[in-house]
Structures are given as C-alpha cells and as structure tokens.
Amino acid sequence: MIKVKYITVSRGFRFSAAHRLFKEELSAEENEKLFGKCSRLHGHDYVMKVSVRALGEGGDMVVNVSTLGEVVEKEVISLIDHKNLNTDVPFLTGVLPTMENIAKKIAEKLEEPLQGIGAELYELTLAESEKNSVTLHFV
C-alpha cells in the first residue's frame, strides 16, 4: 500500500493589472537604466496558482476547491483585478510591485483566511507572462 505524505489541492486564477517599476529616490534615467521598459506604466495579464494542504488529517477532501476559489477571489482578486498596483491596492502600498513582492504580499493576505477553511498555503505561483513567473514555497 502506498503511503501518502500529504496532499495538495490547487486552483488557478487570472487577473489584469498595471504597474510601474521605479524608485522615487532615483531619476527617470536611473530608473530606466535599472528597470528598462518596466520603468514605464504597463500592464500584464497575470496567471496565479494557489496550492494548499490540509491542516491536520485532511480526511477525504483536503479543501473544497470552490471554497478555496471564493477565499482567493474575495481576499485578493477582487482587490487587484484591473487596478494600478502602484496606487490602487492598499496591501501593496509602499511595495515595489515586482512579481516576487506581489506574490509575497498575496501570500500574507491569504494566510489567515486559508487557515479559516482548514488549509495552509503550500505553494503560490505568479506569472506575468508565458516567459516570466515566480514560485513561493512554504514550509
């Protein structure tokens, strides 16, 4: 008989948002040199995958994927879809909106609500294009 160490459940999401990578303490030329064309306001059609595992035994179902979807939609997607990540999203205030930083802030936003449905964040992948993505792994 096979022994299962743990089971993860994943759900995918999409959102569109604009952002600009720049540091206010730098000149336009310095920002251009550091961030290239990303120093100008531009947008992405982001794809995100949220994976969770059960707290405790898990039983027959790790987590209801519809409930997982509802939590992520309420806590994250509704706040960032079709927004300017530099100016319109309170949980990103003061954060340079790189893929890494956006993913970290999303994970922070989801931690407590996921615990409320008996799950913990296992992995979060955020892609801003087919070529560029970041994956956070949680212990």
N, C-alpha and C. Protein backbone atom coordinates (compact mmCIF):
# COMPACT_ATOMS: atom_id res chain seq x y z
N MET A 1 0.85 -1.19 0.00
CA MET A 1 0.00 0.00 0.00
C MET A 1 0.89 1.25 0.00
N ILE A 2 0.51 2.21 -0.79
CA ILE A 2 1.27 3.45 -0.90
C ILE A 2 1.00 4.34 0.31
N LYS A 3 2.05 4.97 0.81
CA LYS A 3 1.91 5.89 1.94
C LYS A 3 1.97 7.32 1.40
N VAL A 4 0.94 8.08 1.66
CA VAL A 4 0.86 9.47 1.21
C VAL A 4 1.38 10.37 2.33
N LYS A 5 2.37 11.17 2.00
CA LYS A 5 2.92 12.09 2.99
C LYS A 5 1.96 13.26 3.22
N TYR A 6 1.50 13.86 2.16
CA TYR A 6 0.47 14.91 2.21
C TYR A 6 -0.11 15.10 0.83
N ILE A 7 -1.25 15.74 0.78
CA ILE A 7 -1.95 16.01 -0.48
C ILE A 7 -2.11 17.52 -0.60
N THR A 8 -1.84 18.03 -1.80
CA THR A 8 -2.10 19.44 -2.05
C THR A 8 -3.24 19.57 -3.07
N VAL A 9 -3.96 20.65 -2.94
CA VAL A 9 -5.03 20.99 -3.88
C VAL A 9 -4.70 22.37 -4.43
N SER A 10 -4.88 22.54 -5.74
CA SER A 10 -4.53 23.80 -6.39
C SER A 10 -5.71 24.37 -7.16
N ARG A 11 -5.71 25.67 -7.28
CA ARG A 11 -6.72 26.36 -8.09
C ARG A 11 -6.03 27.50 -8.82
N GLY A 12 -6.42 27.70 -10.07
CA GLY A 12 -5.84 28.75 -10.89
C GLY A 12 -6.71 29.99 -10.93
N PHE A 13 -6.06 31.13 -11.13
CA PHE A 13 -6.74 32.42 -11.18
C PHE A 13 -6.08 33.29 -12.24
N ARG A 14 -6.83 34.25 -12.74
CA ARG A 14 -6.32 35.24 -13.69
C ARG A 14 -6.76 36.62 -13.24
N PHE A 15 -5.88 37.59 -13.45
CA PHE A 15 -6.26 38.98 -13.24
C PHE A 15 -5.37 39.85 -14.11
N SER A 16 -5.88 41.02 -14.42
CA SER A 16 -5.13 42.00 -15.21
C SER A 16 -4.84 43.20 -14.32
N ALA A 17 -3.64 43.72 -14.44
CA ALA A 17 -3.27 44.87 -13.63
C ALA A 17 -2.12 45.61 -14.29
N ALA A 18 -2.02 46.89 -13.96
CA ALA A 18 -0.92 47.72 -14.44
C ALA A 18 0.04 47.98 -13.30
N HIS A 19 1.28 48.25 -13.66
CA HIS A 19 2.26 48.65 -12.66
C HIS A 19 3.44 49.33 -13.34
N ARG A 20 4.26 49.89 -12.51
CA ARG A 20 5.47 50.55 -12.97
C ARG A 20 6.55 50.24 -11.95
N LEU A 21 7.70 49.79 -12.40
CA LEU A 21 8.82 49.54 -11.51
C LEU A 21 9.69 50.78 -11.50
N PHE A 22 9.72 51.44 -10.37
CA PHE A 22 10.54 52.65 -10.23
C PHE A 22 10.74 52.93 -8.75
N LYS A 23 11.82 53.61 -8.48
CA LYS A 23 12.12 54.05 -7.12
C LYS A 23 12.10 55.57 -7.13
N GLU A 24 11.30 56.15 -6.25
CA GLU A 24 11.13 57.60 -6.22
C GLU A 24 12.42 58.35 -5.98
N GLU A 25 13.36 57.73 -5.27
CA GLU A 25 14.62 58.42 -4.97
C GLU A 25 15.57 58.47 -6.16
N LEU A 26 15.22 57.77 -7.25
CA LEU A 26 16.05 57.77 -8.45
C LEU A 26 15.46 58.67 -9.53
N SER A 27 16.30 59.15 -10.40
CA SER A 27 15.84 59.96 -11.53
C SER A 27 15.18 59.04 -12.57
N ALA A 28 14.49 59.64 -13.52
CA ALA A 28 13.86 58.87 -14.60
C ALA A 28 14.92 58.06 -15.36
N GLU A 29 16.07 58.67 -15.58
CA GLU A 29 17.14 57.98 -16.31
C GLU A 29 17.68 56.80 -15.50
N GLU A 30 17.85 56.99 -14.20
CA GLU A 30 18.35 55.91 -13.35
C GLU A 30 17.34 54.76 -13.27
N ASN A 31 16.04 55.10 -13.18
CA ASN A 31 15.01 54.06 -13.18
C ASN A 31 15.00 53.31 -14.49
N GLU A 32 15.14 54.03 -15.59
CA GLU A 32 15.19 53.40 -16.92
C GLU A 32 16.37 52.43 -17.01
N LYS A 33 17.50 52.85 -16.49
CA LYS A 33 18.69 52.01 -16.52
C LYS A 33 18.49 50.75 -15.66
N LEU A 34 17.88 50.92 -14.50
CA LEU A 34 17.68 49.80 -13.56
C LEU A 34 16.57 48.85 -14.00
N PHE A 35 15.43 49.40 -14.45
CA PHE A 35 14.25 48.57 -14.73
C PHE A 35 13.89 48.47 -16.21
N GLY A 36 14.61 49.17 -17.08
CA GLY A 36 14.33 49.12 -18.50
C GLY A 36 12.94 49.62 -18.82
N LYS A 37 12.29 48.99 -19.80
CA LYS A 37 10.96 49.45 -20.21
C LYS A 37 9.92 49.28 -19.11
N CYS A 38 10.21 48.47 -18.10
CA CYS A 38 9.28 48.28 -16.98
C CYS A 38 9.21 49.51 -16.07
N SER A 39 10.10 50.49 -16.31
CA SER A 39 10.04 51.71 -15.51
C SER A 39 8.89 52.62 -15.96
N ARG A 40 8.27 52.26 -17.08
CA ARG A 40 7.09 53.00 -17.56
C ARG A 40 5.84 52.20 -17.20
N LEU A 41 4.73 52.89 -17.01
CA LEU A 41 3.47 52.22 -16.68
C LEU A 41 3.09 51.26 -17.80
N HIS A 42 2.79 50.02 -17.43
CA HIS A 42 2.41 48.99 -18.39
C HIS A 42 1.56 47.96 -17.67
N GLY A 43 0.98 47.05 -18.42
CA GLY A 43 0.09 46.07 -17.80
C GLY A 43 0.45 44.64 -18.13
N HIS A 44 -0.11 43.73 -17.33
CA HIS A 44 0.07 42.29 -17.53
C HIS A 44 -1.26 41.59 -17.32
N ASP A 45 -1.39 40.47 -17.99
CA ASP A 45 -2.48 39.52 -17.70
C ASP A 45 -1.84 38.42 -16.86
N TYR A 46 -1.96 38.56 -15.55
CA TYR A 46 -1.32 37.63 -14.62
C TYR A 46 -2.08 36.31 -14.54
N VAL A 47 -1.33 35.25 -14.34
CA VAL A 47 -1.89 33.93 -14.06
C VAL A 47 -1.29 33.51 -12.72
N MET A 48 -2.16 33.05 -11.82
CA MET A 48 -1.71 32.67 -10.49
C MET A 48 -2.26 31.29 -10.14
N LYS A 49 -1.44 30.48 -9.50
CA LYS A 49 -1.88 29.18 -9.00
C LYS A 49 -1.62 29.14 -7.50
N VAL A 50 -2.67 28.85 -6.75
CA VAL A 50 -2.58 28.75 -5.30
C VAL A 50 -2.76 27.29 -4.93
N SER A 51 -1.78 26.74 -4.21
CA SER A 51 -1.84 25.35 -3.76
C SER A 51 -1.86 25.33 -2.24
N VAL A 52 -2.75 24.51 -1.69
CA VAL A 52 -2.88 24.39 -0.23
C VAL A 52 -2.81 22.93 0.17
N ARG A 53 -2.53 22.72 1.44
CA ARG A 53 -2.65 21.38 2.01
C ARG A 53 -3.45 21.50 3.29
N ALA A 54 -3.98 20.38 3.73
CA ALA A 54 -4.87 20.39 4.88
C ALA A 54 -4.10 20.60 6.17
N LEU A 55 -4.75 21.26 7.10
CA LEU A 55 -4.26 21.31 8.46
C LEU A 55 -4.78 20.05 9.14
N GLY A 56 -3.94 19.28 9.77
CA GLY A 56 -4.38 18.03 10.41
C GLY A 56 -4.45 16.90 9.41
N GLU A 57 -5.40 16.02 9.61
CA GLU A 57 -5.51 14.78 8.82
C GLU A 57 -6.02 14.98 7.40
N GLY A 58 -6.91 15.92 7.19
CA GLY A 58 -7.39 16.19 5.84
C GLY A 58 -8.60 15.38 5.42
N GLY A 59 -8.77 14.18 5.93
CA GLY A 59 -9.93 13.36 5.59
C GLY A 59 -10.00 13.05 4.11
N ASP A 60 -11.23 12.92 3.60
CA ASP A 60 -11.44 12.57 2.20
C ASP A 60 -11.20 13.74 1.25
N MET A 61 -11.31 14.96 1.75
CA MET A 61 -11.15 16.14 0.92
C MET A 61 -10.24 17.13 1.64
N VAL A 62 -9.15 17.49 0.98
CA VAL A 62 -8.21 18.43 1.60
C VAL A 62 -8.92 19.74 1.89
N VAL A 63 -9.54 20.29 0.86
CA VAL A 63 -10.33 21.52 0.98
C VAL A 63 -11.26 21.56 -0.22
N ASN A 64 -12.41 22.11 -0.04
CA ASN A 64 -13.33 22.27 -1.16
C ASN A 64 -12.74 23.33 -2.10
N VAL A 65 -12.49 22.94 -3.35
CA VAL A 65 -11.84 23.88 -4.28
C VAL A 65 -12.71 25.09 -4.57
N SER A 66 -14.01 24.94 -4.50
CA SER A 66 -14.89 26.10 -4.68
C SER A 66 -14.71 27.09 -3.54
N THR A 67 -14.59 26.58 -2.33
CA THR A 67 -14.35 27.44 -1.17
C THR A 67 -12.99 28.12 -1.29
N LEU A 68 -11.98 27.37 -1.71
CA LEU A 68 -10.66 27.95 -1.95
C LEU A 68 -10.77 29.10 -2.95
N GLY A 69 -11.50 28.87 -4.03
CA GLY A 69 -11.69 29.90 -5.04
C GLY A 69 -12.37 31.13 -4.49
N GLU A 70 -13.40 30.93 -3.67
CA GLU A 70 -14.12 32.06 -3.07
C GLU A 70 -13.21 32.89 -2.17
N VAL A 71 -12.38 32.22 -1.39
CA VAL A 71 -11.47 32.93 -0.48
C VAL A 71 -10.47 33.78 -1.28
N VAL A 72 -9.85 33.18 -2.30
CA VAL A 72 -8.85 33.91 -3.08
C VAL A 72 -9.51 35.05 -3.85
N GLU A 73 -10.68 34.81 -4.42
CA GLU A 73 -11.40 35.88 -5.13
C GLU A 73 -11.70 37.05 -4.20
N LYS A 74 -12.20 36.76 -3.00
CA LYS A 74 -12.58 37.81 -2.06
C LYS A 74 -11.36 38.56 -1.52
N GLU A 75 -10.35 37.81 -1.09
CA GLU A 75 -9.22 38.40 -0.39
C GLU A 75 -8.17 39.04 -1.30
N VAL A 76 -8.12 38.59 -2.57
CA VAL A 76 -7.06 39.07 -3.46
C VAL A 76 -7.59 39.59 -4.80
N ILE A 77 -8.19 38.71 -5.58
CA ILE A 77 -8.56 39.06 -6.96
C ILE A 77 -9.46 40.29 -7.01
N SER A 78 -10.45 40.35 -6.15
CA SER A 78 -11.38 41.50 -6.16
C SER A 78 -10.67 42.82 -5.86
N LEU A 79 -9.53 42.75 -5.20
CA LEU A 79 -8.79 43.95 -4.82
C LEU A 79 -7.75 44.38 -5.84
N ILE A 80 -7.31 43.46 -6.72
CA ILE A 80 -6.22 43.81 -7.63
C ILE A 80 -6.57 43.75 -9.11
N ASP A 81 -7.67 43.11 -9.46
CA ASP A 81 -8.01 42.97 -10.87
C ASP A 81 -8.36 44.33 -11.48
N HIS A 82 -7.73 44.63 -12.60
CA HIS A 82 -7.92 45.89 -13.33
C HIS A 82 -7.59 47.12 -12.47
N LYS A 83 -6.51 47.01 -11.71
CA LYS A 83 -6.06 48.11 -10.86
C LYS A 83 -4.62 48.47 -11.21
N ASN A 84 -4.21 49.64 -10.76
CA ASN A 84 -2.81 50.04 -10.83
C ASN A 84 -2.18 49.57 -9.52
N LEU A 85 -1.25 48.64 -9.61
CA LEU A 85 -0.66 48.05 -8.41
C LEU A 85 0.17 49.04 -7.60
N ASN A 86 0.62 50.10 -8.23
CA ASN A 86 1.39 51.13 -7.52
C ASN A 86 0.52 52.04 -6.68
N THR A 87 -0.74 52.25 -7.09
CA THR A 87 -1.55 53.29 -6.44
C THR A 87 -2.91 52.83 -5.91
N ASP A 88 -3.44 51.73 -6.42
CA ASP A 88 -4.83 51.39 -6.13
C ASP A 88 -5.04 50.22 -5.18
N VAL A 89 -3.98 49.58 -4.72
CA VAL A 89 -4.12 48.35 -3.93
C VAL A 89 -3.51 48.57 -2.54
N PRO A 90 -4.38 48.71 -1.53
CA PRO A 90 -3.87 49.03 -0.18
C PRO A 90 -2.81 48.05 0.34
N PHE A 91 -2.95 46.76 0.09
CA PHE A 91 -1.97 45.84 0.66
C PHE A 91 -0.63 45.86 -0.08
N LEU A 92 -0.54 46.65 -1.16
CA LEU A 92 0.73 46.83 -1.86
C LEU A 92 1.32 48.23 -1.68
N THR A 93 0.72 49.04 -0.84
CA THR A 93 1.20 50.40 -0.61
C THR A 93 2.65 50.37 -0.14
N GLY A 94 3.48 51.15 -0.82
CA GLY A 94 4.89 51.25 -0.46
C GLY A 94 5.75 50.09 -0.90
N VAL A 95 5.18 49.18 -1.70
CA VAL A 95 5.90 47.98 -2.15
C VAL A 95 6.27 48.15 -3.63
N LEU A 96 7.52 47.89 -3.98
CA LEU A 96 7.91 47.85 -5.38
C LEU A 96 7.23 46.63 -6.00
N PRO A 97 6.31 46.82 -6.97
CA PRO A 97 5.48 45.71 -7.43
C PRO A 97 6.15 44.76 -8.43
N THR A 98 7.25 44.15 -7.98
CA THR A 98 7.87 43.07 -8.77
C THR A 98 7.03 41.81 -8.59
N MET A 99 7.22 40.83 -9.44
CA MET A 99 6.49 39.56 -9.28
C MET A 99 6.72 38.98 -7.88
N GLU A 100 7.98 39.03 -7.43
CA GLU A 100 8.31 38.45 -6.13
C GLU A 100 7.56 39.14 -5.00
N ASN A 101 7.58 40.47 -5.01
CA ASN A 101 6.92 41.22 -3.95
C ASN A 101 5.40 41.07 -4.00
N ILE A 102 4.83 41.08 -5.18
CA ILE A 102 3.38 40.89 -5.32
C ILE A 102 3.00 39.52 -4.75
N ALA A 103 3.74 38.48 -5.13
CA ALA A 103 3.44 37.12 -4.66
C ALA A 103 3.55 37.03 -3.14
N LYS A 104 4.58 37.64 -2.56
CA LYS A 104 4.74 37.61 -1.10
C LYS A 104 3.57 38.29 -0.40
N LYS A 105 3.16 39.44 -0.91
CA LYS A 105 2.06 40.17 -0.29
C LYS A 105 0.73 39.42 -0.44
N ILE A 106 0.54 38.77 -1.58
CA ILE A 106 -0.67 37.95 -1.76
C ILE A 106 -0.66 36.81 -0.75
N ALA A 107 0.48 36.16 -0.57
CA ALA A 107 0.59 35.07 0.39
C ALA A 107 0.26 35.54 1.80
N GLU A 108 0.79 36.70 2.18
CA GLU A 108 0.48 37.25 3.50
C GLU A 108 -1.02 37.50 3.66
N LYS A 109 -1.62 38.01 2.59
CA LYS A 109 -3.07 38.32 2.62
C LYS A 109 -3.91 37.04 2.76
N LEU A 110 -3.42 35.93 2.24
CA LEU A 110 -4.19 34.68 2.24
C LEU A 110 -3.98 33.81 3.48
N GLU A 111 -2.90 34.01 4.19
CA GLU A 111 -2.55 33.10 5.28
C GLU A 111 -3.69 32.86 6.27
N GLU A 112 -4.20 33.89 6.87
CA GLU A 112 -5.25 33.74 7.88
C GLU A 112 -6.58 33.23 7.30
N PRO A 113 -7.07 33.79 6.18
CA PRO A 113 -8.32 33.27 5.63
C PRO A 113 -8.24 31.79 5.24
N LEU A 114 -7.10 31.33 4.76
CA LEU A 114 -6.95 29.92 4.41
C LEU A 114 -7.01 29.04 5.66
N GLN A 115 -6.40 29.51 6.74
CA GLN A 115 -6.49 28.77 8.00
C GLN A 115 -7.95 28.64 8.43
N GLY A 116 -8.73 29.66 8.12
CA GLY A 116 -10.15 29.64 8.47
C GLY A 116 -10.95 28.57 7.75
N ILE A 117 -10.42 28.06 6.63
CA ILE A 117 -11.11 26.96 5.93
C ILE A 117 -10.36 25.64 6.11
N GLY A 118 -9.44 25.62 7.09
CA GLY A 118 -8.73 24.39 7.42
C GLY A 118 -7.59 24.04 6.49
N ALA A 119 -7.00 25.05 5.84
CA ALA A 119 -5.92 24.79 4.90
C ALA A 119 -4.76 25.74 5.18
N GLU A 120 -3.58 25.32 4.70
CA GLU A 120 -2.42 26.20 4.78
C GLU A 120 -1.81 26.33 3.39
N LEU A 121 -1.27 27.50 3.14
CA LEU A 121 -0.65 27.77 1.85
C LEU A 121 0.57 26.87 1.70
N TYR A 122 0.64 26.16 0.59
CA TYR A 122 1.75 25.27 0.30
C TYR A 122 2.67 25.86 -0.76
N GLU A 123 2.05 26.43 -1.80
CA GLU A 123 2.82 26.99 -2.91
C GLU A 123 1.98 28.04 -3.61
N LEU A 124 2.63 29.09 -4.08
CA LEU A 124 1.95 30.12 -4.84
C LEU A 124 2.83 30.48 -6.02
N THR A 125 2.27 30.36 -7.22
CA THR A 125 2.99 30.72 -8.44
C THR A 125 2.27 31.90 -9.09
N LEU A 126 3.05 32.91 -9.45
CA LEU A 126 2.52 34.09 -10.12
C LEU A 126 3.30 34.30 -11.40
N ALA A 127 2.59 34.35 -12.53
CA ALA A 127 3.23 34.57 -13.83
C ALA A 127 2.70 35.85 -14.42
N GLU A 128 3.61 36.71 -14.87
CA GLU A 128 3.19 37.94 -15.53
C GLU A 128 3.20 37.78 -17.04
N SER A 129 3.77 36.68 -17.53
CA SER A 129 3.78 36.36 -18.96
C SER A 129 4.09 34.88 -19.10
N GLU A 130 4.09 34.39 -20.32
CA GLU A 130 4.45 33.00 -20.54
C GLU A 130 5.92 32.74 -20.19
N LYS A 131 6.74 33.76 -20.25
CA LYS A 131 8.17 33.62 -20.01
C LYS A 131 8.58 33.86 -18.55
N ASN A 132 7.82 34.67 -17.83
CA ASN A 132 8.26 35.13 -16.51
C ASN A 132 7.29 34.73 -15.41
N SER A 133 7.80 34.00 -14.44
CA SER A 133 6.98 33.62 -13.29
C SER A 133 7.85 33.49 -12.05
N VAL A 134 7.21 33.48 -10.90
CA VAL A 134 7.88 33.27 -9.63
C VAL A 134 7.04 32.28 -8.84
N THR A 135 7.69 31.40 -8.10
CA THR A 135 7.00 30.44 -7.25
C THR A 135 7.53 30.56 -5.84
N LEU A 136 6.61 30.72 -4.90
CA LEU A 136 6.95 30.73 -3.48
C LEU A 136 6.59 29.37 -2.90
N HIS A 137 7.49 28.79 -2.12
CA HIS A 137 7.25 27.50 -1.48
C HIS A 137 7.20 27.76 0.02
N PHE A 138 6.23 27.16 0.68
CA PHE A 138 6.05 27.38 2.11
C PHE A 138 6.25 26.08 2.86
N VAL A 139 6.79 26.19 4.07
CA VAL A 139 7.05 25.02 4.89
C VAL A 139 5.84 24.74 5.76
